């Protein structure tokens, strides 16, 4: 009789602890809210937007289409190798951010200067920041196709010397989810620690207590 009582008692205790564990887990593990993500500079869409197919060339001269975004998170930045400040700064920040991301996303720079940014030029540029970075180029029309889908504007502006030019472009970073959808964007100015926090929060739960979240 005592053995049966002990077994029942252990069963009850086990159920209580299991229920307690489930309750606690449901309270401390959750997806970060849109407001918390915006505080980091990330603006997610209520519904991710489908990215239609596109045709570009990577820095190794391979054709790429929307399939390159499938199966992993991607951070997509539009820039150009002759950019004097914003582009190299952003690429350096992205490289620094990757060091603190548990599952690093694919990082892509799409050139908005197809006349000068050949695959060889792009290759030297992106690899100088991180050997895993990808550089995409192509015709102006094909670049504009993807840029428009990701809310990126760009255009040539005359330089100070006759015959020279620069390119003005949006500086936000597009976030593509593993389904190949445009999930949101990271607004400039960019900070490595914030980008790392955003990427980590998109891939794993956040722990909270009564006073703070990490």
C-alpha atoms as a PDB file:
ATOM      1  CA  UNK A   1       0.000   0.000   0.000  1.00  0.00           C
ATOM      2  CA  UNK A   2       2.780   2.414   0.959  1.00  0.00           C
ATOM      3  CA  UNK A   3       4.578   1.666  -2.320  1.00  0.00           C
ATOM      4  CA  UNK A   4       1.440   2.478  -4.295  1.00  0.00           C
ATOM      5  CA  UNK A   5       0.973   5.729  -2.387  1.00  0.00           C
ATOM      6  CA  UNK A   6       4.602   6.668  -2.985  1.00  0.00           C
ATOM      7  CA  UNK A   7       4.270   5.973  -6.720  1.00  0.00           C
ATOM      8  CA  UNK A   8       1.115   8.068  -6.934  1.00  0.00           C
ATOM      9  CA  UNK A   9       2.797  10.850  -4.996  1.00  0.00           C
ATOM     10  CA  UNK A  10       5.785  10.808  -7.330  1.00  0.00           C
ATOM     11  CA  UNK A  11       3.445  10.897 -10.326  1.00  0.00           C
ATOM     12  CA  UNK A  12       1.584  13.895  -8.922  1.00  0.00           C
ATOM     13  CA  UNK A  13       4.844  15.693  -8.150  1.00  0.00           C
ATOM     14  CA  UNK A  14       6.080  14.975 -11.683  1.00  0.00           C
ATOM     15  CA  UNK A  15       2.897  16.364 -13.231  1.00  0.00           C
ATOM     16  CA  UNK A  16       3.112  19.483 -11.066  1.00  0.00           C
ATOM     17  CA  UNK A  17       6.726  20.116 -12.062  1.00  0.00           C
ATOM     18  CA  UNK A  18       5.916  19.512 -15.746  1.00  0.00           C
ATOM     19  CA  UNK A  19       3.010  21.955 -15.615  1.00  0.00           C
ATOM     20  CA  UNK A  20       5.189  24.482 -13.812  1.00  0.00           C
ATOM     21  CA  UNK A  21       7.941  24.120 -16.400  1.00  0.00           C
ATOM     22  CA  UNK A  22       5.543  24.596 -19.292  1.00  0.00           C
ATOM     23  CA  UNK A  23       4.027  27.661 -17.627  1.00  0.00           C
ATOM     24  CA  UNK A  24       7.414  29.240 -16.930  1.00  0.00           C
ATOM     25  CA  UNK A  25       8.689  28.485 -20.433  1.00  0.00           C
ATOM     26  CA  UNK A  26       5.631  30.057 -22.004  1.00  0.00           C
ATOM     27  CA  UNK A  27       6.247  33.190 -19.963  1.00  0.00           C
ATOM     28  CA  UNK A  28       9.976  33.664 -20.512  1.00  0.00           C
ATOM     29  CA  UNK A  29      10.443  32.539 -24.108  1.00  0.00           C
ATOM     30  CA  UNK A  30       8.724  34.560 -26.768  1.00  0.00           C
ATOM     31  CA  UNK A  31       9.257  36.258 -30.097  1.00  0.00           C
ATOM     32  CA  UNK A  32      10.316  39.912 -29.754  1.00  0.00           C
ATOM     33  CA  UNK A  33       7.573  42.426 -30.464  1.00  0.00           C
ATOM     34  CA  UNK A  34       7.567  44.775 -33.450  1.00  0.00           C
ATOM     35  CA  UNK A  35       8.221  47.703 -31.111  1.00  0.00           C
ATOM     36  CA  UNK A  36      11.311  45.997 -29.663  1.00  0.00           C
ATOM     37  CA  UNK A  37      12.618  45.255 -33.159  1.00  0.00           C
ATOM     38  CA  UNK A  38      11.984  48.839 -34.289  1.00  0.00           C
ATOM     39  CA  UNK A  39      13.974  50.064 -31.299  1.00  0.00           C
ATOM     40  CA  UNK A  40      16.912  48.169 -32.827  1.00  0.00           C
ATOM     41  CA  UNK A  41      16.276  49.732 -36.236  1.00  0.00           C
ATOM     42  CA  UNK A  42      14.454  46.784 -37.826  1.00  0.00           C
ATOM     43  CA  UNK A  43      11.052  47.382 -39.387  1.00  0.00           C
ATOM     44  CA  UNK A  44       9.286  44.072 -40.066  1.00  0.00           C
ATOM     45  CA  UNK A  45       6.242  43.899 -42.315  1.00  0.00           C
ATOM     46  CA  UNK A  46       2.986  42.542 -40.921  1.00  0.00           C
ATOM     47  CA  UNK A  47       3.068  40.068 -43.806  1.00  0.00           C
ATOM     48  CA  UNK A  48       6.335  39.212 -45.603  1.00  0.00           C
ATOM     49  CA  UNK A  49       6.335  40.217 -49.270  1.00  0.00           C
ATOM     50  CA  UNK A  50       6.958  37.744 -52.052  1.00  0.00           C
ATOM     51  CA  UNK A  51      10.096  38.394 -54.111  1.00  0.00           C
ATOM     52  CA  UNK A  52       9.475  37.594 -57.760  1.00  0.00           C
ATOM     53  CA  UNK A  53      12.216  36.049 -59.843  1.00  0.00           C
ATOM     54  CA  UNK A  54      15.202  38.087 -60.962  1.00  0.00           C
ATOM     55  CA  UNK A  55      18.333  37.457 -62.998  1.00  0.00           C
ATOM     56  CA  UNK A  56      21.730  38.702 -61.835  1.00  0.00           C
ATOM     57  CA  UNK A  57      25.380  37.574 -61.895  1.00  0.00           C
ATOM     58  CA  UNK A  58      27.408  36.925 -58.750  1.00  0.00           C
ATOM     59  CA  UNK A  59      31.028  37.963 -58.196  1.00  0.00           C
ATOM     60  CA  UNK A  60      32.172  34.540 -59.404  1.00  0.00           C
ATOM     61  CA  UNK A  61      30.320  35.066 -62.719  1.00  0.00           C
ATOM     62  CA  UNK A  62      27.550  32.592 -61.879  1.00  0.00           C
ATOM     63  CA  UNK A  63      23.919  33.390 -62.726  1.00  0.00           C
ATOM     64  CA  UNK A  64      21.705  33.907 -59.675  1.00  0.00           C
ATOM     65  CA  UNK A  65      17.956  34.119 -59.187  1.00  0.00           C
ATOM     66  CA  UNK A  66      15.539  34.162 -56.245  1.00  0.00           C
ATOM     67  CA  UNK A  67      16.545  30.604 -55.284  1.00  0.00           C
ATOM     68  CA  UNK A  68      19.720  32.028 -53.675  1.00  0.00           C
ATOM     69  CA  UNK A  69      17.504  33.384 -50.893  1.00  0.00           C
ATOM     70  CA  UNK A  70      15.878  30.065 -50.043  1.00  0.00           C
ATOM     71  CA  UNK A  71      16.700  28.095 -46.896  1.00  0.00           C
ATOM     72  CA  UNK A  72      18.432  30.795 -44.870  1.00  0.00           C
ATOM     73  CA  UNK A  73      18.151  34.401 -43.746  1.00  0.00           C
ATOM     74  CA  UNK A  74      19.775  37.004 -45.994  1.00  0.00           C
ATOM     75  CA  UNK A  75      20.823  40.615 -45.456  1.00  0.00           C
ATOM     76  CA  UNK A  76      20.853  42.503 -48.762  1.00  0.00           C
ATOM     77  CA  UNK A  77      22.574  45.873 -49.171  1.00  0.00           C
ATOM     78  CA  UNK A  78      22.702  47.927 -52.372  1.00  0.00           C
ATOM     79  CA  UNK A  79      25.914  49.861 -52.975  1.00  0.00           C
ATOM     80  CA  UNK A  80      28.892  50.235 -55.298  1.00  0.00           C
ATOM     81  CA  UNK A  81      32.633  49.802 -55.078  1.00  0.00           C
ATOM     82  CA  UNK A  82      33.465  53.453 -55.854  1.00  0.00           C
ATOM     83  CA  UNK A  83      31.315  54.594 -52.932  1.00  0.00           C
ATOM     84  CA  UNK A  84      33.544  56.729 -50.687  1.00  0.00           C
ATOM     85  CA  UNK A  85      31.883  56.319 -47.305  1.00  0.00           C
ATOM     86  CA  UNK A  86      28.446  54.751 -46.738  1.00  0.00           C
ATOM     87  CA  UNK A  87      29.160  51.488 -48.560  1.00  0.00           C
ATOM     88  CA  UNK A  88      32.528  50.568 -47.006  1.00  0.00           C
ATOM     89  CA  UNK A  89      31.214  51.602 -43.602  1.00  0.00           C
ATOM     90  CA  UNK A  90      28.117  49.428 -43.971  1.00  0.00           C
ATOM     91  CA  UNK A  91      30.121  46.464 -45.228  1.00  0.00           C
ATOM     92  CA  UNK A  92      32.504  46.773 -42.280  1.00  0.00           C
ATOM     93  CA  UNK A  93      29.573  46.946 -39.871  1.00  0.00           C
ATOM     94  CA  UNK A  94      28.021  43.838 -41.426  1.00  0.00           C
ATOM     95  CA  UNK A  95      31.308  41.974 -41.072  1.00  0.00           C
ATOM     96  CA  UNK A  96      31.548  42.968 -37.408  1.00  0.00           C
ATOM     97  CA  UNK A  97      27.926  41.959 -36.801  1.00  0.00           C
ATOM     98  CA  UNK A  98      28.490  38.476 -38.218  1.00  0.00           C
ATOM     99  CA  UNK A  99      30.992  37.713 -35.475  1.00  0.00           C
ATOM    100  CA  UNK A 100      28.197  37.854 -32.878  1.00  0.00           C
ATOM    101  CA  UNK A 101      25.412  36.073 -34.772  1.00  0.00           C
ATOM    102  CA  UNK A 102      24.883  32.453 -33.733  1.00  0.00           C
ATOM    103  CA  UNK A 103      23.696  31.395 -37.197  1.00  0.00           C
ATOM    104  CA  UNK A 104      25.194  33.965 -39.578  1.00  0.00           C
ATOM    105  CA  UNK A 105      22.903  34.990 -42.446  1.00  0.00           C
ATOM    106  CA  UNK A 106      23.943  35.302 -46.060  1.00  0.00           C
ATOM    107  CA  UNK A 107      25.206  38.827 -46.744  1.00  0.00           C
ATOM    108  CA  UNK A 108      24.788  40.214 -50.261  1.00  0.00           C
ATOM    109  CA  UNK A 109      25.834  43.510 -51.791  1.00  0.00           C
ATOM    110  CA  UNK A 110      24.009  44.277 -55.033  1.00  0.00           C
ATOM    111  CA  UNK A 111      25.915  46.789 -57.160  1.00  0.00           C
ATOM    112  CA  UNK A 112      24.031  49.859 -58.376  1.00  0.00           C
ATOM    113  CA  UNK A 113      26.939  50.744 -60.691  1.00  0.00           C
ATOM    114  CA  UNK A 114      26.944  48.024 -63.370  1.00  0.00           C
ATOM    115  CA  UNK A 115      29.169  50.006 -65.750  1.00  0.00           C
ATOM    116  CA  UNK A 116      32.152  49.958 -63.394  1.00  0.00           C
ATOM    117  CA  UNK A 117      31.417  47.062 -61.049  1.00  0.00           C
ATOM    118  CA  UNK A 118      32.378  44.045 -63.129  1.00  0.00           C
ATOM    119  CA  UNK A 119      32.385  40.614 -61.442  1.00  0.00           C
ATOM    120  CA  UNK A 120      36.151  40.834 -60.933  1.00  0.00           C
ATOM    121  CA  UNK A 121      35.884  44.271 -59.325  1.00  0.00           C
ATOM    122  CA  UNK A 122      32.983  43.128 -57.147  1.00  0.00           C
ATOM    123  CA  UNK A 123      34.870  40.006 -56.117  1.00  0.00           C
ATOM    124  CA  UNK A 124      37.891  41.920 -54.857  1.00  0.00           C
ATOM    125  CA  UNK A 125      35.629  44.358 -53.045  1.00  0.00           C
ATOM    126  CA  UNK A 126      33.252  42.069 -51.164  1.00  0.00           C
ATOM    127  CA  UNK A 127      35.913  39.521 -50.239  1.00  0.00           C
ATOM    128  CA  UNK A 128      38.069  42.278 -48.753  1.00  0.00           C
ATOM    129  CA  UNK A 129      35.409  42.632 -46.031  1.00  0.00           C
ATOM    130  CA  UNK A 130      34.519  38.971 -45.542  1.00  0.00           C
ATOM    131  CA  UNK A 131      35.220  35.908 -47.663  1.00  0.00           C
ATOM    132  CA  UNK A 132      31.626  34.719 -47.264  1.00  0.00           C
ATOM    133  CA  UNK A 133      30.075  37.944 -48.593  1.00  0.00           C
ATOM    134  CA  UNK A 134      28.369  37.780 -51.970  1.00  0.00           C
ATOM    135  CA  UNK A 135      28.431  40.461 -54.662  1.00  0.00           C
ATOM    136  CA  UNK A 136      25.708  40.612 -57.317  1.00  0.00           C
ATOM    137  CA  UNK A 137      25.674  42.651 -60.508  1.00  0.00           C
ATOM    138  CA  UNK A 138      24.006  42.629 -63.890  1.00  0.00           C
ATOM    139  CA  UNK A 139      22.248  44.947 -66.272  1.00  0.00           C
ATOM    140  CA  UNK A 140      20.772  48.165 -64.920  1.00  0.00           C
ATOM    141  CA  UNK A 141      17.294  46.892 -65.780  1.00  0.00           C
ATOM    142  CA  UNK A 142      17.770  43.616 -63.892  1.00  0.00           C
ATOM    143  CA  UNK A 143      19.275  45.383 -60.883  1.00  0.00           C
ATOM    144  CA  UNK A 144      16.361  47.819 -60.849  1.00  0.00           C
ATOM    145  CA  UNK A 145      13.936  44.876 -60.917  1.00  0.00           C
ATOM    146  CA  UNK A 146      15.234  43.544 -57.587  1.00  0.00           C
ATOM    147  CA  UNK A 147      15.841  47.007 -56.123  1.00  0.00           C
ATOM    148  CA  UNK A 148      12.243  48.051 -56.752  1.00  0.00           C
ATOM    149  CA  UNK A 149      10.949  44.922 -55.017  1.00  0.00           C
ATOM    150  CA  UNK A 150      13.096  45.729 -51.973  1.00  0.00           C
ATOM    151  CA  UNK A 151      12.146  49.431 -51.866  1.00  0.00           C
ATOM    152  CA  UNK A 152      15.598  50.596 -52.935  1.00  0.00           C
ATOM    153  CA  UNK A 153      16.025  53.714 -55.069  1.00  0.00           C
ATOM    154  CA  UNK A 154      19.228  54.593 -56.900  1.00  0.00           C
ATOM    155  CA  UNK A 155      20.457  56.837 -59.687  1.00  0.00           C
ATOM    156  CA  UNK A 156      23.529  58.453 -61.208  1.00  0.00           C
ATOM    157  CA  UNK A 157      24.576  61.969 -60.219  1.00  0.00           C
ATOM    158  CA  UNK A 158      27.241  64.014 -62.074  1.00  0.00           C
ATOM    159  CA  UNK A 159      30.647  64.239 -60.405  1.00  0.00           C
ATOM    160  CA  UNK A 160      32.725  67.396 -59.840  1.00  0.00           C
ATOM    161  CA  UNK A 161      34.860  66.652 -62.905  1.00  0.00           C
ATOM    162  CA  UNK A 162      33.352  66.491 -66.387  1.00  0.00           C
ATOM    163  CA  UNK A 163      32.606  62.892 -67.357  1.00  0.00           C
ATOM    164  CA  UNK A 164      32.673  61.538 -63.803  1.00  0.00           C
ATOM    165  CA  UNK A 165      29.708  60.438 -61.752  1.00  0.00           C
ATOM    166  CA  UNK A 166      28.632  58.935 -58.472  1.00  0.00           C
ATOM    167  CA  UNK A 167      25.526  56.957 -57.543  1.00  0.00           C
ATOM    168  CA  UNK A 168      23.004  57.941 -54.923  1.00  0.00           C
ATOM    169  CA  UNK A 169      21.145  55.035 -53.347  1.00  0.00           C
ATOM    170  CA  UNK A 170      19.044  53.993 -50.390  1.00  0.00           C
ATOM    171  CA  UNK A 171      21.136  52.797 -47.459  1.00  0.00           C
ATOM    172  CA  UNK A 172      18.695  50.437 -45.747  1.00  0.00           C
ATOM    173  CA  UNK A 173      19.421  46.704 -45.514  1.00  0.00           C
ATOM    174  CA  UNK A 174      16.702  44.381 -46.793  1.00  0.00           C
ATOM    175  CA  UNK A 175      15.982  41.295 -44.681  1.00  0.00           C
ATOM    176  CA  UNK A 176      14.973  38.179 -46.615  1.00  0.00           C
ATOM    177  CA  UNK A 177      13.561  35.203 -44.707  1.00  0.00           C
ATOM    178  CA  UNK A 178      14.329  31.515 -45.453  1.00  0.00           C
ATOM    179  CA  UNK A 179      11.229  31.317 -47.674  1.00  0.00           C
ATOM    180  CA  UNK A 180      12.770  33.914 -49.964  1.00  0.00           C
ATOM    181  CA  UNK A 181      10.337  36.613 -48.834  1.00  0.00           C
ATOM    182  CA  UNK A 182      11.079  40.266 -48.112  1.00  0.00           C
ATOM    183  CA  UNK A 183      10.455  40.297 -44.353  1.00  0.00           C
ATOM    184  CA  UNK A 184      11.444  43.874 -43.503  1.00  0.00           C
ATOM    185  CA  UNK A 185      14.359  46.282 -43.529  1.00  0.00           C
ATOM    186  CA  UNK A 186      17.050  47.642 -41.215  1.00  0.00           C
ATOM    187  CA  UNK A 187      17.162  51.414 -41.275  1.00  0.00           C
ATOM    188  CA  UNK A 188      20.418  53.403 -41.312  1.00  0.00           C
ATOM    189  CA  UNK A 189      22.555  54.358 -39.477  1.00  0.00           C
ATOM    190  CA  UNK A 190      23.772  50.823 -38.977  1.00  0.00           C
ATOM    191  CA  UNK A 191      25.430  49.439 -35.845  1.00  0.00           C
ATOM    192  CA  UNK A 192      27.037  46.006 -35.596  1.00  0.00           C
ATOM    193  CA  UNK A 193      25.615  45.200 -32.167  1.00  0.00           C
ATOM    194  CA  UNK A 194      22.076  46.099 -33.268  1.00  0.00           C
ATOM    195  CA  UNK A 195      22.274  44.077 -36.483  1.00  0.00           C
ATOM    196  CA  UNK A 196      23.585  41.097 -34.496  1.00  0.00           C
ATOM    197  CA  UNK A 197      20.746  41.456 -31.989  1.00  0.00           C
ATOM    198  CA  UNK A 198      18.191  41.640 -34.803  1.00  0.00           C
ATOM    199  CA  UNK A 199      19.552  38.568 -36.582  1.00  0.00           C
ATOM    200  CA  UNK A 200      19.736  36.539 -33.373  1.00  0.00           C
ATOM    201  CA  UNK A 201      16.215  37.540 -32.331  1.00  0.00           C
ATOM    202  CA  UNK A 202      14.796  36.481 -35.694  1.00  0.00           C
ATOM    203  CA  UNK A 203      16.285  33.007 -35.304  1.00  0.00           C
ATOM    204  CA  UNK A 204      15.785  32.193 -31.621  1.00  0.00           C
ATOM    205  CA  UNK A 205      13.550  33.105 -28.661  1.00  0.00           C
ATOM    206  CA  UNK A 206      14.090  36.007 -26.331  1.00  0.00           C
ATOM    207  CA  UNK A 207      14.494  35.510 -22.551  1.00  0.00           C
ATOM    208  CA  UNK A 208      12.642  37.954 -20.314  1.00  0.00           C
ATOM    209  CA  UNK A 209      12.111  38.517 -16.623  1.00  0.00           C
ATOM    210  CA  UNK A 210       9.995  41.155 -14.919  1.00  0.00           C
ATOM    211  CA  UNK A 211      12.446  43.972 -15.589  1.00  0.00           C
ATOM    212  CA  UNK A 212      14.324  43.336 -18.803  1.00  0.00           C
ATOM    213  CA  UNK A 213      14.700  41.264 -21.966  1.00  0.00           C
ATOM    214  CA  UNK A 214      17.850  40.046 -23.668  1.00  0.00           C
END
